[in-house]
Amino acid sequence: MCGICCVVTLCSQHAIHDFFNKDILCRLRRRGPDSSQQLIKTVSDLSYECLFSGHVLHLRGLVTPQPLKDANNNIFLWNGEIFNGVHVGDLENDTEVVFHHLALCSSEADILSLFSSLRGPWSFIYYQASRHSLWFGRDYFGRRSLLWQFSNDVDSAFCLTSVSVYSESGNQWQEVPASGIFKIDLKACATTKSLSLTLFPWKYSCTEKTAEEIFLNVLDQVSKDLPNHIHLVMNESKLCLRAPVIPLNKTISEALGECPGTNTSNIIHAVSVETLQGFLAEEPKKKLVCQFIDVLNEAVKRRVLSLFRDEDQKTREVPNMSNRKAHVAVLFSGGIDSMVIAALADKHVPLEEPIDLLNVAFMIKEQAKQKGTAKKHTNQEVKLDLLCPQESCQDLDAKTGAHLSCFDVPDRITGRAGLKELEAINPSRTWNFVEINVTLEELKKMRQQCINHLIYPLDTVLDDSIGCALWFASRGEGFISNQGELKPYKSPAKVVLTGIGADEQLAGYSRHRVCFKKYGLEGLNKELEVDLDRISSRNLGRDDRIIGDHGKEARQCNCFGDLPLYCDTNI
């Protein structure tokens, strides 16, 4: 995972650093703490100049500083992971592997074929020196962040970056649409003193739509959010990338109603164990479920093993179990998605290695108000609240007389219950259940200082609430239980597994249940299709910016490309 940035000026009157904010540089360095460097490419005769800034989080192979530059003066910035499609050896770095394949491409079709074959999350920026072309884009699902900003002047500058800073004035940043790959002919733009983008969109392999129909639809969607002086055109050869999935299968099994509990009236209510057992008693359905689990298991395996575990290889010693550090963490609420991911990760993470379960809880507001009325917090008192959560923040339950921590929110309770199940599944594993407690004072402070900038350019209440939870959880600072006593702990894991995408893929939102109740399976199918079609613009880039701010990488296990989307309504 990396922080990447490119600034291009098309007029010698403008300086690169006029568009490269030092605050953005700071955010980029937080994403890539292991290596930071910059490279400036100046083409004097054409009056354009490019700044490439790369910041690396080392996860695979040898540390590979970015930007990369080859003998032909091509330049490459990469923020991604390759889990399949192109072979990456255990000791290889995927940035170098992709750059090597790009150097072998002799045409636009070759470049599109390469990126169509990649399986995993990615965003990239590639300067093709021989043709004065700048290529950039995001994977089909938009799992890695890439933003763009264009200056108001027709002939001046534009910027691409993994993360930006919020600004109420001036030009607004936008997420680069995950609609395809873009190319800019810098020579032509410098000559005409105008900026034009060429788009190579994604296309389903089995779609009945013509290339012309696809282009018109995508061009209309992308163009409406661009400044008026930015031109977007389809590539002359009408080339497309191959989408990594097929369209959602909306057929409804004729036998669905034969299984007890699967008719509409029964599904509306709570599903019992007996209902699920009856469902799995039918061999076709059991086979589909097993196929789904197999694919999900393989996805988790790739994500926990594609990681350089260096300390033992350096010392060639087997450290004491208690001294082992976790390399993998799970965003853990105790819900079914995080439970399944943790259980599958347990199958593949080396047994002697702990797994960190990151469980975040925000102070219950009612109790915070009572405390605030009685006595204002000083900075020292806020710190004490976090260091002594069980002692400094308890209320007496009026009915039972039991002490309840003001951080015993629902996710904390289900998280502890989930921990017991995981310990029963594998008592030999060290499960670090990290209790991350956030006071309202700290929430307010970090939201203003940091989180608002990371969720930007998204700005809804939901973006804010999810962004805050993800930021504190992925930071990994909290407490773990040691012989019954809570002790401060900071997760060292660089890889954070998330279950994001499960709700969109498997109808996990409450509105899905409402939709099913009103419109049946056909209506639910349509709702799921809408969710999957817009997933790239909703939250995946945001989550990459949030988690990456701690120098950690989000790896989505439920998310796309690996899982058979066509099975949605058949499971």
Protein backbone atom coordinates (compact mmCIF):
# COMPACT_ATOMS: atom_id res chain seq x y z
CA MET A 1 0.00 0.00 0.00
CA CYS A 2 1.30 3.43 -0.88
CA GLY A 3 0.54 7.10 -1.14
CA ILE A 4 0.96 8.32 -4.71
CA CYS A 5 0.71 11.78 -6.25
CA CYS A 6 1.32 13.44 -9.60
CA VAL A 7 1.12 17.13 -10.42
CA VAL A 8 1.22 18.28 -14.05
CA THR A 9 1.60 21.84 -15.30
CA LEU A 10 1.00 22.56 -18.96
CA CYS A 11 2.40 26.09 -18.89
CA SER A 12 5.89 27.19 -17.91
CA GLN A 13 4.44 30.20 -16.11
CA HIS A 14 3.14 27.96 -13.35
CA ALA A 15 5.39 26.30 -10.76
CA ILE A 16 4.78 22.70 -9.72
CA HIS A 17 4.88 23.51 -6.02
CA ASP A 18 2.07 26.04 -6.41
CA PHE A 19 -0.21 23.01 -6.65
CA PHE A 20 1.52 20.63 -4.22
CA ASN A 21 0.32 21.40 -0.71
CA LYS A 22 2.66 20.52 2.18
CA ASP A 23 -0.35 19.21 4.10
CA ILE A 24 -1.03 16.74 1.28
CA LEU A 25 2.60 15.66 1.42
CA CYS A 26 2.22 14.99 5.15
CA ARG A 27 -0.88 12.85 4.52
CA LEU A 28 0.92 10.90 1.81
CA ARG A 29 3.88 10.20 4.09
CA ARG A 30 1.57 8.81 6.76
CA ARG A 31 0.31 6.29 4.20
CA GLY A 32 3.84 5.27 3.19
CA PRO A 33 6.19 5.48 6.21
CA ASP A 34 8.91 3.16 4.84
CA SER A 35 10.11 5.18 1.84
CA SER A 36 9.38 8.65 0.45
CA GLN A 37 10.84 10.30 -2.61
CA GLN A 38 9.95 12.62 -5.47
CA LEU A 39 10.91 12.95 -9.10
CA ILE A 40 10.39 15.88 -11.47
CA LYS A 41 10.11 15.36 -15.21
CA THR A 42 10.57 18.53 -17.27
CA VAL A 43 9.98 18.65 -21.04
CA SER A 44 11.15 22.13 -21.91
CA ASP A 45 10.40 22.10 -25.63
CA LEU A 46 6.77 21.23 -24.94
CA SER A 47 6.48 23.41 -21.82
CA TYR A 48 5.04 20.74 -19.55
CA GLU A 49 6.38 19.53 -16.24
CA CYS A 50 5.39 16.61 -13.99
CA LEU A 51 6.04 15.96 -10.32
CA PHE A 52 5.80 12.32 -9.19
CA SER A 53 5.68 11.66 -5.44
CA GLY A 54 5.73 8.12 -4.00
CA HIS A 55 5.42 6.97 -0.38
CA VAL A 56 5.72 3.26 0.34
CA LEU A 57 4.34 0.94 3.01
CA HIS A 58 6.52 -2.17 2.73
CA LEU A 59 4.46 -5.37 2.68
CA ARG A 60 5.87 -7.69 -0.01
CA GLY A 61 9.32 -8.54 -1.33
CA LEU A 62 12.15 -6.06 -0.89
CA VAL A 63 11.46 -2.43 -0.08
CA THR A 64 10.89 -0.77 -3.47
CA PRO A 65 11.04 3.04 -3.37
CA GLN A 66 8.65 4.88 -5.66
CA PRO A 67 8.37 6.39 -8.18
CA LEU A 68 10.04 3.76 -10.36
CA LYS A 69 11.88 4.88 -13.50
CA ASP A 70 13.30 2.66 -16.26
CA ALA A 71 15.97 3.10 -18.93
CA ASN A 72 13.39 4.49 -21.36
CA ASN A 73 12.40 7.22 -18.87
CA ASN A 74 9.00 5.69 -18.18
CA ILE A 75 7.78 6.49 -14.65
CA PHE A 76 5.42 4.42 -12.49
CA LEU A 77 3.48 4.96 -9.26
CA TRP A 78 1.49 2.04 -7.83
CA ASN A 79 -0.89 1.70 -4.88
CA GLY A 80 -2.19 -1.84 -4.95
CA GLU A 81 -1.86 -5.55 -4.33
CA ILE A 82 -1.85 -8.33 -6.92
CA PHE A 83 -3.41 -11.53 -5.60
CA ASN A 84 -3.91 -13.24 -8.95
CA GLY A 85 -3.83 -12.71 -12.70
CA VAL A 86 -0.12 -11.93 -12.89
CA HIS A 87 2.40 -14.07 -11.05
CA VAL A 88 4.18 -12.39 -8.13
CA GLY A 89 6.81 -14.57 -6.44
CA ASP A 90 7.14 -14.81 -2.67
CA LEU A 91 10.22 -12.59 -2.69
CA GLU A 92 9.04 -10.29 -5.49
CA ASN A 93 7.49 -6.87 -5.16
CA ASP A 94 4.29 -6.42 -7.14
CA THR A 95 5.14 -2.80 -8.04
CA GLU A 96 8.22 -3.98 -9.94
CA VAL A 97 6.31 -6.87 -11.50
CA VAL A 98 3.54 -4.65 -12.90
CA PHE A 99 6.06 -2.05 -14.12
CA HIS A 100 8.02 -4.78 -15.90
CA HIS A 101 4.87 -5.96 -17.69
CA LEU A 102 3.99 -2.39 -18.63
CA ALA A 103 7.41 -1.93 -20.22
CA LEU A 104 6.64 -4.89 -22.48
CA CYS A 105 3.39 -3.34 -23.75
CA SER A 106 3.67 -2.04 -27.30
CA SER A 107 0.13 -0.75 -27.77
CA GLU A 108 -2.91 0.60 -25.98
CA ALA A 109 -4.55 -2.81 -26.31
CA ASP A 110 -1.60 -4.42 -24.50
CA ILE A 111 -1.91 -2.00 -21.57
CA LEU A 112 -5.65 -2.65 -21.30
CA SER A 113 -5.08 -6.41 -21.45
CA LEU A 114 -2.59 -6.17 -18.59
CA PHE A 115 -4.87 -4.22 -16.27
CA SER A 116 -7.84 -6.40 -17.21
CA SER A 117 -5.91 -9.44 -15.99
CA LEU A 118 -4.97 -8.06 -12.57
CA ARG A 119 -6.89 -9.42 -9.58
CA GLY A 120 -6.69 -7.31 -6.46
CA PRO A 121 -7.15 -3.66 -5.42
CA TRP A 122 -5.15 -1.01 -7.25
CA SER A 123 -4.73 2.55 -8.40
CA PHE A 124 -1.81 3.69 -10.53
CA ILE A 125 -0.15 6.54 -12.42
CA TYR A 126 2.07 5.70 -15.42
CA TYR A 127 4.07 8.13 -17.54
CA GLN A 128 4.84 6.68 -20.98
CA ALA A 129 7.80 8.78 -22.10
CA SER A 130 7.98 7.80 -25.78
CA ARG A 131 4.39 8.96 -26.38
CA HIS A 132 4.21 11.74 -23.79
CA SER A 133 1.20 9.94 -22.31
CA LEU A 134 -0.01 9.89 -18.71
CA TRP A 135 -2.14 6.87 -17.81
CA PHE A 136 -4.04 6.54 -14.53
CA GLY A 137 -7.02 4.79 -13.00
CA ARG A 138 -8.50 2.56 -10.29
CA ASP A 139 -9.62 -1.06 -10.20
CA TYR A 140 -13.17 -1.94 -11.20
CA PHE A 141 -14.48 -1.67 -7.62
CA GLY A 142 -12.52 1.43 -6.64
CA ARG A 143 -10.83 -0.26 -3.70
CA ARG A 144 -7.85 2.10 -3.73
CA SER A 145 -8.25 5.84 -3.47
CA LEU A 146 -7.29 8.24 -6.25
CA LEU A 147 -8.48 11.86 -6.34
CA TRP A 148 -8.18 14.53 -8.99
CA GLN A 149 -8.29 18.31 -9.02
CA PHE A 150 -8.17 20.68 -11.99
CA SER A 151 -7.15 24.32 -11.85
CA ASN A 152 -9.54 26.98 -13.08
CA ASP A 153 -7.14 28.11 -15.79
CA VAL A 154 -7.61 26.30 -19.07
CA ASP A 155 -3.89 25.88 -19.70
CA SER A 156 -2.46 25.51 -16.21
CA ALA A 157 -2.41 22.35 -14.07
CA PHE A 158 -4.05 19.32 -12.57
CA CYS A 159 -3.23 16.95 -9.73
CA LEU A 160 -3.77 13.25 -8.93
CA THR A 161 -3.30 12.00 -5.38
CA SER A 162 -4.28 9.21 -2.99
CA VAL A 163 -5.39 11.68 -0.33
CA SER A 164 -6.00 15.41 -0.05
CA VAL A 165 -7.02 17.95 2.58
CA TYR A 166 -10.43 19.52 3.03
CA SER A 167 -10.84 23.07 1.80
CA GLU A 168 -14.00 25.17 1.90
CA SER A 169 -12.68 27.51 -0.77
CA GLY A 170 -10.93 27.03 -4.10
CA ASN A 171 -11.12 24.08 -6.45
CA GLN A 172 -12.79 20.97 -5.10
CA TRP A 173 -11.26 17.53 -5.15
CA GLN A 174 -13.21 14.59 -6.57
CA GLU A 175 -12.66 10.85 -6.60
CA VAL A 176 -11.38 9.62 -9.96
CA PRO A 177 -14.34 7.54 -11.23
CA ALA A 178 -13.63 3.81 -11.32
CA SER A 179 -15.27 3.79 -14.74
CA GLY A 180 -12.14 2.70 -16.57
CA ILE A 181 -8.59 3.86 -17.25
CA PHE A 182 -7.80 7.41 -18.37
CA LYS A 183 -5.04 8.65 -20.69
CA ILE A 184 -3.80 12.18 -21.25
CA ASP A 185 -1.71 13.07 -24.29
CA LEU A 186 0.55 15.66 -22.65
CA LYS A 187 2.16 16.66 -25.95
CA ALA A 188 -1.19 17.45 -27.54
CA CYS A 189 -2.46 19.23 -24.42
CA ALA A 190 0.66 21.37 -24.15
CA THR A 191 0.37 22.28 -27.82
CA THR A 192 -3.33 23.20 -27.74
CA LYS A 193 -3.14 24.65 -24.21
CA SER A 194 -6.23 22.68 -23.24
CA LEU A 195 -6.77 19.52 -21.23
CA SER A 196 -8.42 16.48 -22.79
CA LEU A 197 -8.98 13.06 -21.17
CA THR A 198 -9.33 9.84 -23.15
CA LEU A 199 -11.33 7.08 -21.46
CA PHE A 200 -11.04 3.31 -21.81
CA PRO A 201 -14.11 1.96 -19.93
CA TRP A 202 -14.83 -1.38 -18.31
CA LYS A 203 -17.06 -3.79 -20.21
CA TYR A 204 -18.74 -7.02 -19.13
CA SER A 205 -17.51 -9.91 -21.25
CA CYS A 206 -21.04 -11.18 -21.83
CA THR A 207 -22.92 -7.90 -22.18
CA GLU A 208 -25.23 -7.34 -25.13
CA LYS A 209 -24.44 -3.62 -25.19
CA THR A 210 -22.30 -2.31 -28.02
CA ALA A 211 -19.09 -0.39 -27.37
CA GLU A 212 -20.89 2.74 -28.58
CA GLU A 213 -23.65 2.32 -25.99
CA ILE A 214 -21.14 1.70 -23.20
CA PHE A 215 -19.13 4.80 -24.12
CA LEU A 216 -22.13 7.09 -24.32
CA ASN A 217 -23.37 5.96 -20.92
CA VAL A 218 -19.99 6.25 -19.18
CA LEU A 219 -19.07 9.53 -20.87
CA ASP A 220 -22.33 11.05 -19.70
CA GLN A 221 -21.78 9.90 -16.09
CA VAL A 222 -18.16 11.09 -15.86
CA SER A 223 -18.53 14.34 -17.82
CA LYS A 224 -21.24 15.82 -15.60
CA ASP A 225 -18.80 16.15 -12.69
CA LEU A 226 -15.90 17.63 -14.67
CA PRO A 227 -15.19 21.37 -15.07
CA ASN A 228 -16.47 22.79 -18.33
CA HIS A 229 -13.00 23.36 -19.76
CA ILE A 230 -11.98 19.68 -19.32
CA HIS A 231 -12.81 17.57 -22.37
CA LEU A 232 -13.59 13.85 -22.05
CA VAL A 233 -13.54 11.72 -25.20
CA MET A 234 -13.79 8.04 -26.07
CA ASN A 235 -10.68 6.38 -27.44
CA GLU A 236 -10.69 6.24 -31.22
CA SER A 237 -10.26 2.45 -31.39
CA LYS A 238 -13.21 1.96 -28.99
CA LEU A 239 -11.10 -0.32 -26.80
CA CYS A 240 -12.42 -1.49 -23.40
CA LEU A 241 -11.12 -3.22 -20.31
CA ARG A 242 -12.60 -6.61 -19.41
CA ALA A 243 -14.61 -6.31 -16.20
CA PRO A 244 -13.47 -8.89 -13.58
CA VAL A 245 -17.04 -10.05 -12.89
CA ILE A 246 -20.11 -11.00 -14.86
CA PRO A 247 -23.47 -9.24 -14.42
CA LEU A 248 -25.51 -10.17 -11.39
CA ASN A 249 -27.59 -13.28 -11.94
CA LYS A 250 -31.16 -12.17 -11.28
CA THR A 251 -32.83 -15.48 -11.98
CA ILE A 252 -34.93 -16.85 -9.15
CA SER A 253 -34.75 -20.55 -8.43
CA GLU A 254 -38.08 -22.29 -9.03
CA ALA A 255 -37.37 -24.61 -6.14
CA LEU A 256 -36.70 -21.79 -3.66
CA GLY A 257 -40.11 -21.99 -2.10
CA GLU A 258 -39.88 -25.72 -1.48
CA CYS A 259 -37.44 -25.35 1.39
CA PRO A 260 -39.18 -24.75 4.77
CA GLY A 261 -38.82 -21.16 5.88
CA THR A 262 -37.79 -19.72 2.53
CA ASN A 263 -41.12 -18.25 1.53
CA THR A 264 -41.64 -14.52 1.93
CA SER A 265 -43.75 -14.63 5.08
CA ASN A 266 -41.27 -16.79 6.98
CA ILE A 267 -38.10 -14.95 5.95
CA ILE A 268 -39.48 -11.68 7.28
CA HIS A 269 -39.22 -13.07 10.79
CA ALA A 270 -36.15 -14.38 12.62
CA VAL A 271 -34.62 -17.42 10.94
CA SER A 272 -34.15 -20.38 13.26
CA VAL A 273 -31.37 -22.95 13.28
CA GLU A 274 -33.91 -25.49 12.08
CA THR A 275 -34.72 -23.31 9.06
CA LEU A 276 -31.05 -23.11 8.10
CA GLN A 277 -30.60 -26.86 8.60
CA GLY A 278 -33.57 -27.47 6.33
CA PHE A 279 -32.09 -25.13 3.75
CA LEU A 280 -28.75 -26.95 3.79
CA ALA A 281 -30.44 -30.35 3.65
CA GLU A 282 -31.07 -29.77 -0.04
CA GLU A 283 -27.95 -30.89 -1.90
CA PRO A 284 -27.96 -28.19 -4.64
CA LYS A 285 -28.15 -25.42 -2.05
CA LYS A 286 -25.53 -27.04 0.18
CA LYS A 287 -23.22 -27.34 -2.82
CA LEU A 288 -23.60 -23.63 -3.60
CA VAL A 289 -22.89 -22.68 0.01
CA CYS A 290 -19.77 -24.86 0.05
CA GLN A 291 -18.57 -23.28 -3.19
CA PHE A 292 -19.08 -19.84 -1.70
CA ILE A 293 -17.14 -20.73 1.46
CA ASP A 294 -14.32 -22.23 -0.60
CA VAL A 295 -13.94 -19.05 -2.66
CA LEU A 296 -14.11 -16.83 0.43
CA ASN A 297 -11.57 -19.06 2.20
CA GLU A 298 -9.16 -18.74 -0.73
CA ALA A 299 -9.62 -14.95 -0.78
CA VAL A 300 -8.75 -14.71 2.93
CA LYS A 301 -5.79 -17.06 2.47
CA ARG A 302 -4.26 -14.86 -0.24
CA ARG A 303 -4.70 -11.75 1.86
CA VAL A 304 -3.07 -13.08 5.02
CA LEU A 305 -0.18 -14.88 3.30
CA SER A 306 0.76 -12.18 0.76
CA LEU A 307 2.78 -10.47 3.44
CA PHE A 308 6.49 -10.30 4.22
CA ARG A 309 7.07 -11.66 7.73
CA ASP A 310 10.59 -10.45 8.26
CA GLU A 311 11.65 -10.63 11.89
CA ASP A 312 12.03 -14.41 12.09
CA GLN A 313 13.80 -14.57 8.72
CA LYS A 314 16.37 -12.03 9.96
CA THR A 315 17.09 -13.68 13.29
CA ARG A 316 16.45 -17.26 12.13
CA GLU A 317 15.22 -17.91 15.64
CA VAL A 318 11.88 -19.04 16.93
CA PRO A 319 10.77 -16.36 19.38
CA ASN A 320 8.82 -17.09 22.51
CA MET A 321 5.09 -17.34 21.83
CA SER A 322 4.41 -14.42 24.19
CA ASN A 323 6.84 -12.22 22.27
CA ARG A 324 5.32 -12.87 18.87
CA LYS A 325 3.79 -9.86 17.18
CA ALA A 326 0.62 -9.85 15.13
CA HIS A 327 0.97 -9.18 11.41
CA VAL A 328 -2.75 -9.40 10.68
CA ALA A 329 -5.65 -7.63 12.38
CA VAL A 330 -9.41 -7.90 11.83
CA LEU A 331 -11.90 -5.05 12.19
CA PHE A 332 -14.01 -6.95 14.67
CA SER A 333 -17.55 -6.24 15.86
CA GLY A 334 -18.47 -9.84 16.61
CA GLY A 335 -20.98 -9.72 13.76
CA ILE A 336 -21.20 -12.57 11.29
CA ASP A 337 -18.94 -10.98 8.66
CA SER A 338 -16.02 -10.27 11.01
CA MET A 339 -16.50 -13.63 12.75
CA VAL A 340 -16.29 -15.55 9.48
CA ILE A 341 -13.21 -13.60 8.36
CA ALA A 342 -11.46 -14.14 11.70
CA ALA A 343 -12.27 -17.87 11.66
CA LEU A 344 -10.98 -18.26 8.10
CA ALA A 345 -7.86 -16.20 8.84
CA ASP A 346 -7.16 -18.60 11.71
CA LYS A 347 -6.82 -21.41 9.17
CA HIS A 348 -3.95 -19.72 7.35
CA VAL A 349 -2.10 -17.37 9.70
CA PRO A 350 0.82 -19.30 11.32
CA LEU A 351 -0.40 -20.76 14.60
CA GLU A 352 2.35 -19.16 16.66
CA GLU A 353 1.34 -15.70 15.40
CA PRO A 354 -1.36 -13.73 17.29
CA ILE A 355 -4.35 -12.28 15.50
CA ASP A 356 -5.51 -8.85 16.65
CA LEU A 357 -9.27 -8.33 16.89
CA LEU A 358 -9.85 -4.57 16.78
CA ASN A 359 -13.06 -3.63 18.59
CA VAL A 360 -13.98 0.05 18.87
CA ALA A 361 -16.47 1.62 21.27
CA PHE A 362 -17.50 5.25 21.63
CA MET A 363 -18.51 6.60 25.04
CA ILE A 364 -22.25 6.39 25.59
CA LYS A 365 -23.49 9.97 25.24
CA GLU A 366 -25.95 9.94 28.15
CA GLN A 367 -23.23 9.00 30.60
CA ALA A 368 -20.83 11.48 29.06
CA LYS A 369 -23.37 14.25 29.64
CA GLN A 370 -23.78 13.28 33.29
CA LYS A 371 -20.04 13.34 33.80
CA GLY A 372 -19.70 16.64 31.98
CA THR A 373 -22.35 18.27 34.20
CA ALA A 374 -20.65 17.17 37.37
CA LYS A 375 -17.13 18.12 36.40
CA LYS A 376 -15.37 19.38 33.30
CA HIS A 377 -12.65 17.14 31.95
CA THR A 378 -9.06 18.25 31.85
CA ASN A 379 -6.69 16.68 29.33
CA GLN A 380 -5.28 14.56 32.13
CA GLU A 381 -8.75 13.28 33.08
CA VAL A 382 -9.51 12.34 29.46
CA LYS A 383 -6.27 10.38 29.38
CA LEU A 384 -7.22 8.61 32.60
CA ASP A 385 -10.59 7.65 31.14
CA LEU A 386 -8.81 5.80 28.35
CA LEU A 387 -6.17 4.21 30.57
CA CYS A 388 -8.62 2.99 33.22
CA PRO A 389 -11.83 2.23 31.34
CA GLN A 390 -13.26 -0.18 33.85
CA GLU A 391 -12.65 1.99 36.92
CA SER A 392 -13.19 5.58 35.83
CA CYS A 393 -16.22 5.08 33.63
CA GLN A 394 -18.88 2.95 35.30
CA ASP A 395 -22.47 3.55 36.25
CA LEU A 396 -24.64 1.48 38.55
CA ASP A 397 -27.52 -0.21 36.77
CA ALA A 398 -30.68 0.79 38.65
CA LYS A 399 -32.45 -2.54 38.11
CA THR A 400 -29.74 -5.13 38.63
CA GLY A 401 -27.13 -3.23 40.61
CA ALA A 402 -24.47 -4.42 38.14
CA HIS A 403 -21.64 -2.15 37.04
CA LEU A 404 -21.77 -1.25 33.36
CA SER A 405 -18.87 0.38 31.58
CA CYS A 406 -19.83 3.41 29.52
CA PHE A 407 -18.03 1.70 26.65
CA ASP A 408 -20.23 -1.40 26.77
CA VAL A 409 -21.93 -0.59 23.49
CA PRO A 410 -23.57 -3.37 21.44
CA ASP A 411 -20.47 -4.05 19.31
CA ARG A 412 -18.35 -4.45 22.45
CA ILE A 413 -20.80 -6.98 23.88
CA THR A 414 -21.07 -8.99 20.65
CA GLY A 415 -17.30 -8.70 20.21
CA ARG A 416 -16.63 -10.34 23.58
CA ALA A 417 -19.13 -13.06 22.76
CA GLY A 418 -17.43 -13.60 19.41
CA LEU A 419 -14.05 -13.84 21.12
CA LYS A 420 -15.30 -16.73 23.26
CA GLU A 421 -16.44 -18.58 20.14
CA LEU A 422 -13.08 -18.08 18.43
CA GLU A 423 -11.23 -19.23 21.55
CA ALA A 424 -13.39 -22.35 21.54
CA ILE A 425 -12.63 -22.96 17.85
CA ASN A 426 -8.87 -22.64 18.38
CA PRO A 427 -7.72 -22.34 22.01
CA SER A 428 -4.09 -22.65 20.85
CA ARG A 429 -4.23 -19.32 19.05
CA THR A 430 -3.43 -16.07 20.83
CA TRP A 431 -6.45 -13.88 20.16
CA ASN A 432 -5.75 -10.26 21.10
CA PHE A 433 -9.15 -8.71 21.68
CA VAL A 434 -8.22 -5.03 21.55
CA GLU A 435 -10.72 -2.83 23.39
CA ILE A 436 -10.47 0.58 21.73
CA ASN A 437 -12.31 3.15 23.84
CA VAL A 438 -13.00 6.60 22.43
CA THR A 439 -14.19 9.52 24.57
CA LEU A 440 -16.32 12.25 23.06
CA GLU A 441 -13.51 14.73 23.64
CA GLU A 442 -11.02 12.69 21.63
CA LEU A 443 -13.60 12.00 18.94
CA LYS A 444 -14.22 15.72 18.47
CA LYS A 445 -10.50 16.51 18.42
CA MET A 446 -9.46 13.86 15.89
CA ARG A 447 -12.47 14.44 13.68
CA GLN A 448 -11.42 18.07 13.22
CA GLN A 449 -7.68 17.44 12.97
CA CYS A 450 -7.66 14.40 10.77
CA ILE A 451 -10.76 12.40 9.92
CA ASN A 452 -12.63 15.19 8.08
CA HIS A 453 -9.70 15.48 5.67
CA LEU A 454 -9.60 11.74 5.05
CA ILE A 455 -13.26 11.17 4.24
CA TYR A 456 -13.16 14.22 1.92
CA PRO A 457 -14.41 14.63 -0.78
CA LEU A 458 -17.25 12.48 0.61
CA ASP A 459 -19.20 14.44 3.21
CA THR A 460 -22.39 12.72 4.39
CA VAL A 461 -23.26 11.99 8.01
CA LEU A 462 -22.81 8.29 7.26
CA ASP A 463 -19.35 8.91 5.80
CA ASP A 464 -18.42 10.76 8.98
CA SER A 465 -19.71 8.13 11.40
CA ILE A 466 -18.18 5.18 9.54
CA GLY A 467 -14.98 7.12 8.93
CA CYS A 468 -14.58 7.87 12.63
CA ALA A 469 -15.17 4.24 13.62
CA LEU A 470 -12.70 2.96 11.01
CA TRP A 471 -10.01 5.50 11.90
CA PHE A 472 -9.97 4.71 15.62
CA ALA A 473 -10.35 0.97 15.06
CA SER A 474 -7.54 0.71 12.52
CA ARG A 475 -5.25 2.85 14.68
CA GLY A 476 -5.29 -0.15 17.01
CA GLU A 477 -4.61 1.65 20.29
CA GLY A 478 -6.50 0.19 23.21
CA PHE A 479 -6.32 -2.50 25.85
CA ILE A 480 -5.98 -6.26 25.93
CA SER A 481 -6.71 -8.56 28.83
CA ASN A 482 -3.65 -10.07 30.49
CA GLN A 483 -4.53 -12.51 33.24
CA GLY A 484 -7.77 -10.66 33.91
CA GLU A 485 -6.17 -7.21 33.89
CA LEU A 486 -6.53 -4.71 31.08
CA LYS A 487 -3.18 -3.43 29.83
CA PRO A 488 -2.41 -0.78 27.16
CA TYR A 489 -1.71 -2.25 23.72
CA LYS A 490 -1.04 -0.93 20.21
CA SER A 491 -1.53 -3.33 17.33
CA PRO A 492 1.63 -3.70 15.20
CA ALA A 493 -0.29 -5.36 12.35
CA LYS A 494 0.16 -3.66 8.98
CA VAL A 495 -2.63 -5.63 7.30
CA VAL A 496 -6.21 -4.96 8.41
CA LEU A 497 -8.88 -7.38 7.17
CA THR A 498 -12.33 -5.93 6.64
CA GLY A 499 -15.68 -7.44 5.77
CA ILE A 500 -16.79 -4.47 3.73
CA GLY A 501 -18.81 -5.52 0.71
CA ALA A 502 -20.62 -8.33 2.49
CA ASP A 503 -23.76 -6.27 3.05
CA GLU A 504 -23.95 -5.15 -0.57
CA GLN A 505 -23.20 -8.62 -1.84
CA LEU A 506 -25.36 -10.67 0.51
CA ALA A 507 -28.27 -8.32 1.30
CA GLY A 508 -27.10 -7.41 4.79
CA TYR A 509 -28.69 -3.99 5.20
CA SER A 510 -32.05 -3.52 6.91
CA ARG A 511 -33.34 -1.76 3.77
CA HIS A 512 -32.75 -5.02 1.90
CA ARG A 513 -35.17 -6.75 4.25
CA VAL A 514 -37.69 -3.93 3.79
CA CYS A 515 -37.30 -4.16 0.02
CA PHE A 516 -37.78 -7.92 0.10
CA LYS A 517 -40.87 -7.56 2.26
CA LYS A 518 -42.43 -5.03 -0.13
CA TYR A 519 -41.33 -6.33 -3.52
CA GLY A 520 -40.17 -9.92 -3.05
CA LEU A 521 -37.04 -11.49 -4.53
CA GLU A 522 -37.36 -9.64 -7.82
CA GLY A 523 -37.31 -6.30 -6.01
CA LEU A 524 -34.40 -7.41 -3.83
CA ASN A 525 -32.44 -8.42 -6.92
CA LYS A 526 -32.83 -4.93 -8.37
CA GLU A 527 -31.74 -3.32 -5.09
CA LEU A 528 -28.62 -5.50 -4.93
CA GLU A 529 -27.76 -4.67 -8.52
CA VAL A 530 -27.93 -0.95 -7.74
CA ASP A 531 -25.71 -1.42 -4.67
CA LEU A 532 -23.07 -3.35 -6.57
CA ASP A 533 -23.09 -0.93 -9.50
CA ARG A 534 -22.38 2.06 -7.25
CA ILE A 535 -20.02 0.43 -4.73
CA SER A 536 -16.94 2.03 -6.30
CA SER A 537 -18.26 5.55 -5.65
CA ARG A 538 -19.67 4.99 -2.16
CA ASN A 539 -17.10 3.86 0.37
CA LEU A 540 -14.13 1.77 -0.72
CA GLY A 541 -11.88 4.69 -1.63
CA ARG A 542 -12.88 6.43 1.59
CA ASP A 543 -11.97 3.39 3.66
CA ASP A 544 -8.60 3.14 1.94
CA ARG A 545 -7.85 6.75 2.87
CA ILE A 546 -8.97 6.23 6.47
CA ILE A 547 -7.09 3.01 7.21
CA GLY A 548 -4.04 4.00 5.18
CA ASP A 549 -3.56 7.07 7.39
CA HIS A 550 -2.04 4.79 10.04
CA GLY A 551 0.49 3.24 7.67
CA LYS A 552 -1.70 0.14 7.38
CA GLU A 553 -3.38 -1.57 4.46
CA ALA A 554 -7.06 -2.42 4.19
CA ARG A 555 -7.64 -5.81 2.61
CA GLN A 556 -11.27 -6.51 1.78
CA CYS A 557 -12.05 -10.21 1.97
CA ASN A 558 -15.70 -10.24 0.94
CA CYS A 559 -15.11 -7.76 -1.73
CA PHE A 560 -15.43 -8.56 -5.28
CA GLY A 561 -13.43 -10.12 -8.00
CA ASP A 562 -12.83 -13.22 -5.88
CA LEU A 563 -16.41 -13.93 -4.86
CA PRO A 564 -19.00 -15.15 -7.37
CA LEU A 565 -21.41 -12.23 -7.58
CA TYR A 566 -23.67 -14.36 -9.74
CA CYS A 567 -24.47 -16.51 -6.70
CA ASP A 568 -26.06 -13.66 -4.71
CA THR A 569 -29.67 -14.77 -4.90
CA ASN A 570 -28.93 -18.48 -5.04
CA ILE A 571 -27.28 -18.70 -1.59
